[in-house]
């Protein structure tokens, strides 16, 4: 799967995702932060699922209606858990991600919002 990992996610997660066979890039390696809208737009144009800790991306996608190729938001997850949880989400919910779902992973639950839901 093609992934754009936000700079707020532990940088080591990218190597774990790549080792698992995913095409993952990390925004933290860019020379400057272009801002949330530009990151979301780049992920969409490159057909990459955005992996983030930041709730602002969901607001951009839902409230402002900006296009996206799927979002995985990790909530209150330690850096050491971020890669493993992302891999688990990709494995369990790849069909939903292919439909540009927004998946929020909290310690006690997973919420999935499909693009055709209000």
PDB file of N, CA and C in Angstrom:
ATOM      1  N   UNK A   1       0.842  -1.171   0.000  1.00  0.00           N
ATOM      2  CA  UNK A   1       0.000   0.000   0.000  1.00  0.00           C
ATOM      3  C   UNK A   1       0.891   1.240   0.000  1.00  0.00           C
ATOM      4  N   UNK A   2       0.414   2.287  -0.654  1.00  0.00           N
ATOM      5  CA  UNK A   2       1.142   3.548  -0.681  1.00  0.00           C
ATOM      6  C   UNK A   2       0.710   4.388   0.513  1.00  0.00           C
ATOM      7  N   UNK A   3       1.695   4.869   1.276  1.00  0.00           N
ATOM      8  CA  UNK A   3       1.433   5.607   2.501  1.00  0.00           C
ATOM      9  C   UNK A   3       2.249   6.893   2.535  1.00  0.00           C
ATOM     10  N   UNK A   4       1.655   7.941   3.077  1.00  0.00           N
ATOM     11  CA  UNK A   4       2.387   9.151   3.409  1.00  0.00           C
ATOM     12  C   UNK A   4       2.268   9.278   4.923  1.00  0.00           C
ATOM     13  N   UNK A   5       3.383   9.168   5.609  1.00  0.00           N
ATOM     14  CA  UNK A   5       3.417   9.208   7.066  1.00  0.00           C
ATOM     15  C   UNK A   5       3.721  10.642   7.494  1.00  0.00           C
ATOM     16  N   UNK A   6       2.822  11.206   8.263  1.00  0.00           N
ATOM     17  CA  UNK A   6       2.956  12.584   8.720  1.00  0.00           C
ATOM     18  C   UNK A   6       4.179  12.721   9.628  1.00  0.00           C
ATOM     19  N   UNK A   7       4.715  13.929   9.696  1.00  0.00           N
ATOM     20  CA  UNK A   7       5.923  14.166  10.488  1.00  0.00           C
ATOM     21  C   UNK A   7       5.705  13.960  11.983  1.00  0.00           C
ATOM     22  N   UNK A   8       4.468  14.006  12.447  1.00  0.00           N
ATOM     23  CA  UNK A   8       4.196  13.802  13.872  1.00  0.00           C
ATOM     24  C   UNK A   8       4.279  12.332  14.271  1.00  0.00           C
ATOM     25  N   UNK A   9       4.282  11.444  13.306  1.00  0.00           N
ATOM     26  CA  UNK A   9       4.414  10.008  13.561  1.00  0.00           C
ATOM     27  C   UNK A   9       5.899   9.682  13.674  1.00  0.00           C
ATOM     28  N   UNK A  10       6.240   8.781  14.573  1.00  0.00           N
ATOM     29  CA  UNK A  10       7.622   8.363  14.791  1.00  0.00           C
ATOM     30  C   UNK A  10       8.272   7.986  13.462  1.00  0.00           C
ATOM     31  N   UNK A  11       9.402   8.610  13.156  1.00  0.00           N
ATOM     32  CA  UNK A  11      10.094   8.380  11.890  1.00  0.00           C
ATOM     33  C   UNK A  11      10.504   6.937  11.667  1.00  0.00           C
ATOM     34  N   UNK A  12      10.807   6.211  12.727  1.00  0.00           N
ATOM     35  CA  UNK A  12      11.179   4.804  12.597  1.00  0.00           C
ATOM     36  C   UNK A  12      10.060   3.936  12.080  1.00  0.00           C
ATOM     37  N   UNK A  13       8.827   4.416  12.170  1.00  0.00           N
ATOM     38  CA  UNK A  13       7.688   3.650  11.667  1.00  0.00           C
ATOM     39  C   UNK A  13       7.786   3.441  10.159  1.00  0.00           C
ATOM     40  N   UNK A  14       8.364   4.413   9.469  1.00  0.00           N
ATOM     41  CA  UNK A  14       8.458   4.332   8.008  1.00  0.00           C
ATOM     42  C   UNK A  14       9.276   3.120   7.580  1.00  0.00           C
ATOM     43  N   UNK A  15      10.420   2.901   8.226  1.00  0.00           N
ATOM     44  CA  UNK A  15      11.250   1.745   7.888  1.00  0.00           C
ATOM     45  C   UNK A  15      10.531   0.435   8.143  1.00  0.00           C
ATOM     46  N   UNK A  16       9.778   0.364   9.224  1.00  0.00           N
ATOM     47  CA  UNK A  16       9.007  -0.846   9.529  1.00  0.00           C
ATOM     48  C   UNK A  16       7.961  -1.079   8.447  1.00  0.00           C
ATOM     49  N   UNK A  17       7.275  -0.025   8.042  1.00  0.00           N
ATOM     50  CA  UNK A  17       6.263  -0.144   6.989  1.00  0.00           C
ATOM     51  C   UNK A  17       6.892  -0.548   5.657  1.00  0.00           C
ATOM     52  N   UNK A  18       8.044   0.040   5.341  1.00  0.00           N
ATOM     53  CA  UNK A  18       8.742  -0.321   4.108  1.00  0.00           C
ATOM     54  C   UNK A  18       9.214  -1.771   4.147  1.00  0.00           C
ATOM     55  N   UNK A  19       9.743  -2.192   5.292  1.00  0.00           N
ATOM     56  CA  UNK A  19      10.199  -3.580   5.439  1.00  0.00           C
ATOM     57  C   UNK A  19       9.055  -4.570   5.259  1.00  0.00           C
ATOM     58  N   UNK A  20       7.841  -4.127   5.553  1.00  0.00           N
ATOM     59  CA  UNK A  20       6.659  -4.983   5.386  1.00  0.00           C
ATOM     60  C   UNK A  20       6.132  -4.938   3.952  1.00  0.00           C
ATOM     61  N   UNK A  21       6.829  -4.204   3.082  1.00  0.00           N
ATOM     62  CA  UNK A  21       6.476  -4.193   1.669  1.00  0.00           C
ATOM     63  C   UNK A  21       5.647  -3.008   1.208  1.00  0.00           C
ATOM     64  N   UNK A  22       5.450  -2.018   2.063  1.00  0.00           N
ATOM     65  CA  UNK A  22       4.639  -0.862   1.694  1.00  0.00           C
ATOM     66  C   UNK A  22       5.508   0.265   1.133  1.00  0.00           C
ATOM     67  N   UNK A  23       4.942   1.026   0.238  1.00  0.00           N
ATOM     68  CA  UNK A  23       5.591   2.196  -0.352  1.00  0.00           C
ATOM     69  C   UNK A  23       5.289   3.374   0.569  1.00  0.00           C
ATOM     70  N   UNK A  24       6.147   3.593   1.550  1.00  0.00           N
ATOM     71  CA  UNK A  24       5.903   4.612   2.568  1.00  0.00           C
ATOM     72  C   UNK A  24       6.940   5.727   2.480  1.00  0.00           C
ATOM     73  N   UNK A  25       6.445   6.965   2.552  1.00  0.00           N
ATOM     74  CA  UNK A  25       7.328   8.128   2.644  1.00  0.00           C
ATOM     75  C   UNK A  25       6.964   8.885   3.921  1.00  0.00           C
ATOM     76  N   UNK A  26       7.950   9.605   4.475  1.00  0.00           N
ATOM     77  CA  UNK A  26       7.761  10.313   5.742  1.00  0.00           C
ATOM     78  C   UNK A  26       7.911  11.808   5.532  1.00  0.00           C
ATOM     79  N   UNK A  27       6.883  12.554   5.883  1.00  0.00           N
ATOM     80  CA  UNK A  27       6.912  14.010   5.740  1.00  0.00           C
ATOM     81  C   UNK A  27       7.983  14.645   6.625  1.00  0.00           C
ATOM     82  N   UNK A  28       8.412  13.960   7.655  1.00  0.00           N
ATOM     83  CA  UNK A  28       9.453  14.474   8.534  1.00  0.00           C
ATOM     84  C   UNK A  28      10.814  14.584   7.871  1.00  0.00           C
ATOM     85  N   UNK A  29      10.983  13.953   6.719  1.00  0.00           N
ATOM     86  CA  UNK A  29      12.262  14.031   6.015  1.00  0.00           C
ATOM     87  C   UNK A  29      12.294  15.195   5.015  1.00  0.00           C
ATOM     88  N   UNK A  30      11.178  15.895   4.856  1.00  0.00           N
ATOM     89  CA  UNK A  30      11.124  17.026   3.938  1.00  0.00           C
ATOM     90  C   UNK A  30      11.852  18.228   4.537  1.00  0.00           C
ATOM     91  N   UNK A  31      12.343  19.104   3.687  1.00  0.00           N
ATOM     92  CA  UNK A  31      13.085  20.268   4.164  1.00  0.00           C
ATOM     93  C   UNK A  31      12.229  21.231   4.968  1.00  0.00           C
ATOM     94  N   UNK A  32      10.955  21.333   4.636  1.00  0.00           N
ATOM     95  CA  UNK A  32      10.047  22.191   5.405  1.00  0.00           C
ATOM     96  C   UNK A  32       8.654  21.575   5.407  1.00  0.00           C
ATOM     97  N   UNK A  33       7.880  21.956   6.377  1.00  0.00           N
ATOM     98  CA  UNK A  33       6.504  21.475   6.506  1.00  0.00           C
ATOM     99  C   UNK A  33       5.606  22.368   5.645  1.00  0.00           C
ATOM    100  N   UNK A  34       4.985  21.803   4.605  1.00  0.00           N
ATOM    101  CA  UNK A  34       4.160  22.624   3.718  1.00  0.00           C
ATOM    102  C   UNK A  34       2.780  22.960   4.284  1.00  0.00           C
ATOM    103  N   UNK A  35       2.429  22.361   5.422  1.00  0.00           N
ATOM    104  CA  UNK A  35       1.113  22.590   6.017  1.00  0.00           C
ATOM    105  C   UNK A  35       0.173  21.434   5.732  1.00  0.00           C
ATOM    106  N   UNK A  36      -0.852  21.348   6.553  1.00  0.00           N
ATOM    107  CA  UNK A  36      -1.761  20.208   6.488  1.00  0.00           C
ATOM    108  C   UNK A  36      -2.486  20.078   5.149  1.00  0.00           C
ATOM    109  N   UNK A  37      -2.961  21.184   4.596  1.00  0.00           N
ATOM    110  CA  UNK A  37      -3.684  21.112   3.323  1.00  0.00           C
ATOM    111  C   UNK A  37      -2.792  20.582   2.206  1.00  0.00           C
ATOM    112  N   UNK A  38      -1.557  21.036   2.160  1.00  0.00           N
ATOM    113  CA  UNK A  38      -0.626  20.590   1.119  1.00  0.00           C
ATOM    114  C   UNK A  38      -0.262  19.122   1.309  1.00  0.00           C
ATOM    115  N   UNK A  39      -0.104  18.689   2.560  1.00  0.00           N
ATOM    116  CA  UNK A  39       0.205  17.284   2.831  1.00  0.00           C
ATOM    117  C   UNK A  39      -0.956  16.406   2.388  1.00  0.00           C
ATOM    118  N   UNK A  40      -2.174  16.793   2.743  1.00  0.00           N
ATOM    119  CA  UNK A  40      -3.351  16.020   2.353  1.00  0.00           C
ATOM    120  C   UNK A  40      -3.491  15.977   0.834  1.00  0.00           C
ATOM    121  N   UNK A  41      -3.234  17.111   0.174  1.00  0.00           N
ATOM    122  CA  UNK A  41      -3.314  17.166  -1.291  1.00  0.00           C
ATOM    123  C   UNK A  41      -2.268  16.271  -1.935  1.00  0.00           C
ATOM    124  N   UNK A  42      -1.049  16.272  -1.409  1.00  0.00           N
ATOM    125  CA  UNK A  42      -0.007  15.422  -1.978  1.00  0.00           C
ATOM    126  C   UNK A  42      -0.366  13.946  -1.810  1.00  0.00           C
ATOM    127  N   UNK A  43      -0.856  13.587  -0.635  1.00  0.00           N
ATOM    128  CA  UNK A  43      -1.257  12.199  -0.411  1.00  0.00           C
ATOM    129  C   UNK A  43      -2.346  11.803  -1.401  1.00  0.00           C
ATOM    130  N   UNK A  44      -3.313  12.682  -1.624  1.00  0.00           N
ATOM    131  CA  UNK A  44      -4.399  12.392  -2.569  1.00  0.00           C
ATOM    132  C   UNK A  44      -3.869  12.228  -3.986  1.00  0.00           C
ATOM    133  N   UNK A  45      -3.036  13.168  -4.424  1.00  0.00           N
ATOM    134  CA  UNK A  45      -2.531  13.124  -5.800  1.00  0.00           C
ATOM    135  C   UNK A  45      -1.619  11.930  -6.056  1.00  0.00           C
ATOM    136  N   UNK A  46      -0.953  11.434  -5.016  1.00  0.00           N
ATOM    137  CA  UNK A  46      -0.084  10.267  -5.167  1.00  0.00           C
ATOM    138  C   UNK A  46      -0.799   8.970  -4.761  1.00  0.00           C
ATOM    139  N   UNK A  47      -2.096   9.071  -4.469  1.00  0.00           N
ATOM    140  CA  UNK A  47      -2.907   7.900  -4.064  1.00  0.00           C
ATOM    141  C   UNK A  47      -2.303   7.216  -2.844  1.00  0.00           C
ATOM    142  N   UNK A  48      -1.919   8.006  -1.861  1.00  0.00           N
ATOM    143  CA  UNK A  48      -1.332   7.489  -0.626  1.00  0.00           C
ATOM    144  C   UNK A  48      -2.297   7.679   0.535  1.00  0.00           C
ATOM    145  N   UNK A  49      -2.399   6.674   1.378  1.00  0.00           N
ATOM    146  CA  UNK A  49      -3.139   6.800   2.627  1.00  0.00           C
ATOM    147  C   UNK A  49      -2.265   7.603   3.578  1.00  0.00           C
ATOM    148  N   UNK A  50      -2.856   8.596   4.208  1.00  0.00           N
ATOM    149  CA  UNK A  50      -2.134   9.434   5.159  1.00  0.00           C
ATOM    150  C   UNK A  50      -2.195   8.799   6.540  1.00  0.00           C
ATOM    151  N   UNK A  51      -1.044   8.640   7.179  1.00  0.00           N
ATOM    152  CA  UNK A  51      -0.960   8.127   8.547  1.00  0.00           C
ATOM    153  C   UNK A  51      -0.545   9.299   9.431  1.00  0.00           C
ATOM    154  N   UNK A  52      -1.348   9.591  10.447  1.00  0.00           N
ATOM    155  CA  UNK A  52      -1.107  10.783  11.255  1.00  0.00           C
ATOM    156  C   UNK A  52      -1.569  10.589  12.693  1.00  0.00           C
ATOM    157  N   UNK A  53      -1.169  11.522  13.534  1.00  0.00           N
ATOM    158  CA  UNK A  53      -1.677  11.614  14.900  1.00  0.00           C
ATOM    159  C   UNK A  53      -2.620  12.809  15.014  1.00  0.00           C
ATOM    160  N   UNK A  54      -2.675  13.614  13.991  1.00  0.00           N
ATOM    161  CA  UNK A  54      -3.307  14.932  13.984  1.00  0.00           C
ATOM    162  C   UNK A  54      -4.774  14.854  13.555  1.00  0.00           C
ATOM    163  N   UNK A  55      -5.683  15.327  14.404  1.00  0.00           N
ATOM    164  CA  UNK A  55      -7.107  15.295  14.071  1.00  0.00           C
ATOM    165  C   UNK A  55      -7.486  16.331  13.021  1.00  0.00           C
ATOM    166  N   UNK A  56      -6.624  17.301  12.758  1.00  0.00           N
ATOM    167  CA  UNK A  56      -6.934  18.338  11.776  1.00  0.00           C
ATOM    168  C   UNK A  56      -7.189  17.775  10.382  1.00  0.00           C
ATOM    169  N   UNK A  57      -6.556  16.677  10.028  1.00  0.00           N
ATOM    170  CA  UNK A  57      -6.745  16.105   8.689  1.00  0.00           C
ATOM    171  C   UNK A  57      -8.171  15.587   8.505  1.00  0.00           C
ATOM    172  N   UNK A  58      -8.726  14.987   9.538  1.00  0.00           N
ATOM    173  CA  UNK A  58     -10.118  14.550   9.458  1.00  0.00           C
ATOM    174  C   UNK A  58     -11.056  15.728   9.283  1.00  0.00           C
ATOM    175  N   UNK A  59     -10.770  16.811   9.976  1.00  0.00           N
ATOM    176  CA  UNK A  59     -11.590  18.012   9.837  1.00  0.00           C
ATOM    177  C   UNK A  59     -11.479  18.591   8.428  1.00  0.00           C
ATOM    178  N   UNK A  60     -10.272  18.584   7.868  1.00  0.00           N
ATOM    179  CA  UNK A  60     -10.110  19.059   6.490  1.00  0.00           C
ATOM    180  C   UNK A  60     -10.912  18.197   5.518  1.00  0.00           C
ATOM    181  N   UNK A  61     -10.879  16.896   5.742  1.00  0.00           N
ATOM    182  CA  UNK A  61     -11.570  15.970   4.845  1.00  0.00           C
ATOM    183  C   UNK A  61     -13.087  16.020   5.039  1.00  0.00           C
ATOM    184  N   UNK A  62     -13.542  16.057   6.280  1.00  0.00           N
ATOM    185  CA  UNK A  62     -14.975  15.972   6.552  1.00  0.00           C
ATOM    186  C   UNK A  62     -15.649  17.342   6.471  1.00  0.00           C
ATOM    187  N   UNK A  63     -15.150  18.308   7.210  1.00  0.00           N
ATOM    188  CA  UNK A  63     -15.800  19.618   7.282  1.00  0.00           C
ATOM    189  C   UNK A  63     -15.587  20.418   5.994  1.00  0.00           C
ATOM    190  N   UNK A  64     -14.329  20.437   5.521  1.00  0.00           N
ATOM    191  CA  UNK A  64     -14.037  21.226   4.322  1.00  0.00           C
ATOM    192  C   UNK A  64     -14.214  20.438   3.033  1.00  0.00           C
ATOM    193  N   UNK A  65     -14.376  19.131   3.141  1.00  0.00           N
ATOM    194  CA  UNK A  65     -14.615  18.312   1.961  1.00  0.00           C
ATOM    195  C   UNK A  65     -13.417  18.153   1.050  1.00  0.00           C
ATOM    196  N   UNK A  66     -12.206  18.326   1.601  1.00  0.00           N
ATOM    197  CA  UNK A  66     -11.009  18.174   0.758  1.00  0.00           C
ATOM    198  C   UNK A  66     -10.817  16.698   0.395  1.00  0.00           C
ATOM    199  N   UNK A  67     -10.405  16.443  -0.838  1.00  0.00           N
ATOM    200  CA  UNK A  67     -10.236  15.050  -1.263  1.00  0.00           C
ATOM    201  C   UNK A  67      -9.049  14.388  -0.564  1.00  0.00           C
ATOM    202  N   UNK A  68      -9.166  13.082  -0.375  1.00  0.00           N
ATOM    203  CA  UNK A  68      -8.091  12.313   0.254  1.00  0.00           C
ATOM    204  C   UNK A  68      -8.184  10.872  -0.233  1.00  0.00           C
ATOM    205  N   UNK A  69      -7.107  10.147  -0.025  1.00  0.00           N
ATOM    206  CA  UNK A  69      -7.041   8.747  -0.449  1.00  0.00           C
ATOM    207  C   UNK A  69      -7.154   7.802   0.746  1.00  0.00           C
ATOM    208  N   UNK A  70      -7.634   8.311   1.859  1.00  0.00           N
ATOM    209  CA  UNK A  70      -7.746   7.529   3.088  1.00  0.00           C
ATOM    210  C   UNK A  70      -6.846   8.115   4.158  1.00  0.00           C
ATOM    211  N   UNK A  71      -7.302   8.003   5.396  1.00  0.00           N
ATOM    212  CA  UNK A  71      -6.547   8.536   6.528  1.00  0.00           C
ATOM    213  C   UNK A  71      -6.578   7.522   7.657  1.00  0.00           C
ATOM    214  N   UNK A  72      -5.416   7.253   8.226  1.00  0.00           N
ATOM    215  CA  UNK A  72      -5.316   6.464   9.455  1.00  0.00           C
ATOM    216  C   UNK A  72      -4.842   7.431  10.528  1.00  0.00           C
ATOM    217  N   UNK A  73      -5.671   7.634  11.550  1.00  0.00           N
ATOM    218  CA  UNK A  73      -5.297   8.523  12.659  1.00  0.00           C
ATOM    219  C   UNK A  73      -5.092   7.692  13.912  1.00  0.00           C
ATOM    220  N   UNK A  74      -3.905   7.781  14.445  1.00  0.00           N
ATOM    221  CA  UNK A  74      -3.538   7.052  15.661  1.00  0.00           C
ATOM    222  C   UNK A  74      -3.699   7.992  16.854  1.00  0.00           C
ATOM    223  N   UNK A  75      -4.491   7.576  17.831  1.00  0.00           N
ATOM    224  CA  UNK A  75      -4.790   8.420  18.988  1.00  0.00           C
ATOM    225  C   UNK A  75      -4.195   7.800  20.244  1.00  0.00           C
ATOM    226  N   UNK A  76      -3.388   8.580  20.952  1.00  0.00           N
ATOM    227  CA  UNK A  76      -2.792   8.141  22.220  1.00  0.00           C
ATOM    228  C   UNK A  76      -2.058   6.803  22.108  1.00  0.00           C
ATOM    229  N   UNK A  77      -1.260   6.676  21.062  1.00  0.00           N
ATOM    230  CA  UNK A  77      -0.465   5.472  20.843  1.00  0.00           C
ATOM    231  C   UNK A  77       1.009   5.839  20.980  1.00  0.00           C
ATOM    232  N   UNK A  78       1.757   5.032  21.690  1.00  0.00           N
ATOM    233  CA  UNK A  78       3.179   5.319  21.866  1.00  0.00           C
ATOM    234  C   UNK A  78       3.916   5.166  20.540  1.00  0.00           C
ATOM    235  N   UNK A  79       5.057   5.813  20.449  1.00  0.00           N
ATOM    236  CA  UNK A  79       5.858   5.746  19.226  1.00  0.00           C
ATOM    237  C   UNK A  79       6.166   4.299  18.853  1.00  0.00           C
ATOM    238  N   UNK A  80       6.447   3.469  19.838  1.00  0.00           N
ATOM    239  CA  UNK A  80       6.815   2.079  19.559  1.00  0.00           C
ATOM    240  C   UNK A  80       5.637   1.261  19.052  1.00  0.00           C
ATOM    241  N   UNK A  81       4.410   1.731  19.249  1.00  0.00           N
ATOM    242  CA  UNK A  81       3.227   1.001  18.785  1.00  0.00           C
ATOM    243  C   UNK A  81       2.737   1.477  17.421  1.00  0.00           C
ATOM    244  N   UNK A  82       3.178   2.643  16.990  1.00  0.00           N
ATOM    245  CA  UNK A  82       2.601   3.268  15.805  1.00  0.00           C
ATOM    246  C   UNK A  82       2.739   2.427  14.539  1.00  0.00           C
ATOM    247  N   UNK A  83       3.898   1.870  14.290  1.00  0.00           N
ATOM    248  CA  UNK A  83       4.085   1.068  13.074  1.00  0.00           C
ATOM    249  C   UNK A  83       3.262  -0.203  13.127  1.00  0.00           C
ATOM    250  N   UNK A  84       3.302  -0.907  14.247  1.00  0.00           N
ATOM    251  CA  UNK A  84       2.567  -2.167  14.372  1.00  0.00           C
ATOM    252  C   UNK A  84       1.063  -1.943  14.221  1.00  0.00           C
ATOM    253  N   UNK A  85       0.552  -0.882  14.813  1.00  0.00           N
ATOM    254  CA  UNK A  85      -0.874  -0.595  14.688  1.00  0.00           C
ATOM    255  C   UNK A  85      -1.243  -0.216  13.259  1.00  0.00           C
ATOM    256  N   UNK A  86      -0.374   0.532  12.604  1.00  0.00           N
ATOM    257  CA  UNK A  86      -0.636   0.881  11.205  1.00  0.00           C
ATOM    258  C   UNK A  86      -0.682  -0.379  10.345  1.00  0.00           C
ATOM    259  N   UNK A  87       0.256  -1.290  10.558  1.00  0.00           N
ATOM    260  CA  UNK A  87       0.245  -2.549   9.810  1.00  0.00           C
ATOM    261  C   UNK A  87      -1.024  -3.349  10.079  1.00  0.00           C
ATOM    262  N   UNK A  88      -1.458  -3.377  11.320  1.00  0.00           N
ATOM    263  CA  UNK A  88      -2.685  -4.099  11.679  1.00  0.00           C
ATOM    264  C   UNK A  88      -3.898  -3.478  11.000  1.00  0.00           C
ATOM    265  N   UNK A  89      -3.974  -2.161  10.990  1.00  0.00           N
ATOM    266  CA  UNK A  89      -5.088  -1.476  10.326  1.00  0.00           C
ATOM    267  C   UNK A  89      -5.084  -1.779   8.836  1.00  0.00           C
ATOM    268  N   UNK A  90      -3.926  -1.719   8.211  1.00  0.00           N
ATOM    269  CA  UNK A  90      -3.828  -2.005   6.773  1.00  0.00           C
ATOM    270  C   UNK A  90      -4.296  -3.435   6.487  1.00  0.00           C
ATOM    271  N   UNK A  91      -3.871  -4.361   7.311  1.00  0.00           N
ATOM    272  CA  UNK A  91      -4.251  -5.766   7.110  1.00  0.00           C
ATOM    273  C   UNK A  91      -5.752  -5.975   7.284  1.00  0.00           C
ATOM    274  N   UNK A  92      -6.308  -5.430   8.345  1.00  0.00           N
ATOM    275  CA  UNK A  92      -7.721  -5.669   8.659  1.00  0.00           C
ATOM    276  C   UNK A  92      -8.687  -4.831   7.831  1.00  0.00           C
ATOM    277  N   UNK A  93      -8.268  -3.641   7.432  1.00  0.00           N
ATOM    278  CA  UNK A  93      -9.201  -2.693   6.823  1.00  0.00           C
ATOM    279  C   UNK A  93      -8.744  -2.211   5.445  1.00  0.00           C
ATOM    280  N   UNK A  94      -8.026  -3.051   4.700  1.00  0.00           N
ATOM    281  CA  UNK A  94      -7.542  -2.591   3.407  1.00  0.00           C
ATOM    282  C   UNK A  94      -8.669  -2.287   2.428  1.00  0.00           C
ATOM    283  N   UNK A  95      -9.784  -3.014   2.511  1.00  0.00           N
ATOM    284  CA  UNK A  95     -10.908  -2.725   1.622  1.00  0.00           C
ATOM    285  C   UNK A  95     -11.499  -1.340   1.922  1.00  0.00           C
ATOM    286  N   UNK A  96     -11.632  -1.023   3.203  1.00  0.00           N
ATOM    287  CA  UNK A  96     -12.156   0.277   3.594  1.00  0.00           C
ATOM    288  C   UNK A  96     -11.185   1.392   3.198  1.00  0.00           C
ATOM    289  N   UNK A  97      -9.895   1.165   3.373  1.00  0.00           N
ATOM    290  CA  UNK A  97      -8.897   2.162   2.976  1.00  0.00           C
ATOM    291  C   UNK A  97      -8.916   2.371   1.463  1.00  0.00           C
ATOM    292  N   UNK A  98      -9.151   1.314   0.706  1.00  0.00           N
ATOM    293  CA  UNK A  98      -9.242   1.440  -0.750  1.00  0.00           C
ATOM    294  C   UNK A  98     -10.421   2.325  -1.145  1.00  0.00           C
ATOM    295  N   UNK A  99     -11.395   2.455  -0.261  1.00  0.00           N
ATOM    296  CA  UNK A  99     -12.562   3.312  -0.494  1.00  0.00           C
ATOM    297  C   UNK A  99     -12.373   4.687   0.143  1.00  0.00           C
ATOM    298  N   UNK A 100     -11.156   5.016   0.558  1.00  0.00           N
ATOM    299  CA  UNK A 100     -10.809   6.315   1.154  1.00  0.00           C
ATOM    300  C   UNK A 100     -11.477   6.531   2.510  1.00  0.00           C
ATOM    301  N   UNK A 101     -11.474   5.486   3.335  1.00  0.00           N
ATOM    302  CA  UNK A 101     -12.024   5.598   4.688  1.00  0.00           C
ATOM    303  C   UNK A 101     -11.106   6.428   5.569  1.00  0.00           C
ATOM    304  N   UNK A 102     -11.701   7.008   6.596  1.00  0.00           N
ATOM    305  CA  UNK A 102     -10.940   7.630   7.667  1.00  0.00           C
ATOM    306  C   UNK A 102     -11.053   6.676   8.851  1.00  0.00           C
ATOM    307  N   UNK A 103      -9.916   6.147   9.279  1.00  0.00           N
ATOM    308  CA  UNK A 103      -9.895   5.160  10.352  1.00  0.00           C
ATOM    309  C   UNK A 103      -9.169   5.758  11.548  1.00  0.00           C
ATOM    310  N   UNK A 104      -9.868   5.818  12.654  1.00  0.00           N
ATOM    311  CA  UNK A 104      -9.310   6.364  13.892  1.00  0.00           C
ATOM    312  C   UNK A 104      -9.054   5.211  14.847  1.00  0.00           C
ATOM    313  N   UNK A 105      -7.795   5.073  15.263  1.00  0.00           N
ATOM    314  CA  UNK A 105      -7.388   3.974  16.138  1.00  0.00           C
ATOM    315  C   UNK A 105      -7.126   4.534  17.526  1.00  0.00           C
ATOM    316  N   UNK A 106      -8.010   4.215  18.453  1.00  0.00           N
ATOM    317  CA  UNK A 106      -7.876   4.626  19.844  1.00  0.00           C
ATOM    318  C   UNK A 106      -7.466   3.406  20.661  1.00  0.00           C
ATOM    319  N   UNK A 107      -6.991   3.605  21.885  1.00  0.00           N
ATOM    320  CA  UNK A 107      -6.554   2.457  22.679  1.00  0.00           C
ATOM    321  C   UNK A 107      -7.620   1.370  22.861  1.00  0.00           C
ATOM    322  N   UNK A 108      -8.874   1.752  22.936  1.00  0.00           N
ATOM    323  CA  UNK A 108      -9.925   0.769  23.215  1.00  0.00           C
ATOM    324  C   UNK A 108     -10.866   0.495  22.056  1.00  0.00           C
ATOM    325  N   UNK A 109     -10.701   1.214  20.924  1.00  0.00           N
ATOM    326  CA  UNK A 109     -11.623   0.998  19.812  1.00  0.00           C
ATOM    327  C   UNK A 109     -11.054   1.532  18.507  1.00  0.00           C
ATOM    328  N   UNK A 110     -11.678   1.079  17.426  1.00  0.00           N
ATOM    329  CA  UNK A 110     -11.360   1.551  16.081  1.00  0.00           C
ATOM    330  C   UNK A 110     -12.656   2.089  15.484  1.00  0.00           C
ATOM    331  N   UNK A 111     -12.582   3.313  14.959  1.00  0.00           N
ATOM    332  CA  UNK A 111     -13.748   3.911  14.298  1.00  0.00           C
ATOM    333  C   UNK A 111     -13.440   4.044  12.815  1.00  0.00           C
ATOM    334  N   UNK A 112     -14.412   3.708  11.991  1.00  0.00           N
ATOM    335  CA  UNK A 112     -14.244   3.780  10.540  1.00  0.00           C
ATOM    336  C   UNK A 112     -15.330   4.667   9.970  1.00  0.00           C
ATOM    337  N   UNK A 113     -14.904   5.653   9.209  1.00  0.00           N
ATOM    338  CA  UNK A 113     -15.846   6.533   8.517  1.00  0.00           C
ATOM    339  C   UNK A 113     -15.584   6.390   7.027  1.00  0.00           C
ATOM    340  N   UNK A 114     -16.560   5.890   6.313  1.00  0.00           N
ATOM    341  CA  UNK A 114     -16.458   5.754   4.867  1.00  0.00           C
ATOM    342  C   UNK A 114     -16.889   7.063   4.207  1.00  0.00           C
ATOM    343  N   UNK A 115     -16.387   7.350   3.020  1.00  0.00           N
ATOM    344  CA  UNK A 115     -16.652   8.650   2.413  1.00  0.00           C
ATOM    345  C   UNK A 115     -18.123   8.914   2.114  1.00  0.00           C
ATOM    346  N   UNK A 116     -18.936   7.897   1.967  1.00  0.00           N
ATOM    347  CA  UNK A 116     -20.347   8.106   1.651  1.00  0.00           C
ATOM    348  C   UNK A 116     -21.216   8.241   2.901  1.00  0.00           C
ATOM    349  N   UNK A 117     -20.589   8.262   4.075  1.00  0.00           N
ATOM    350  CA  UNK A 117     -21.341   8.425   5.321  1.00  0.00           C
ATOM    351  C   UNK A 117     -21.481   9.911   5.644  1.00  0.00           C
ATOM    352  N   UNK A 118     -22.606  10.308   6.235  1.00  0.00           N
ATOM    353  CA  UNK A 118     -22.800  11.728   6.581  1.00  0.00           C
ATOM    354  C   UNK A 118     -21.922  12.155   7.728  1.00  0.00           C
TER     355      UNK A 118
END
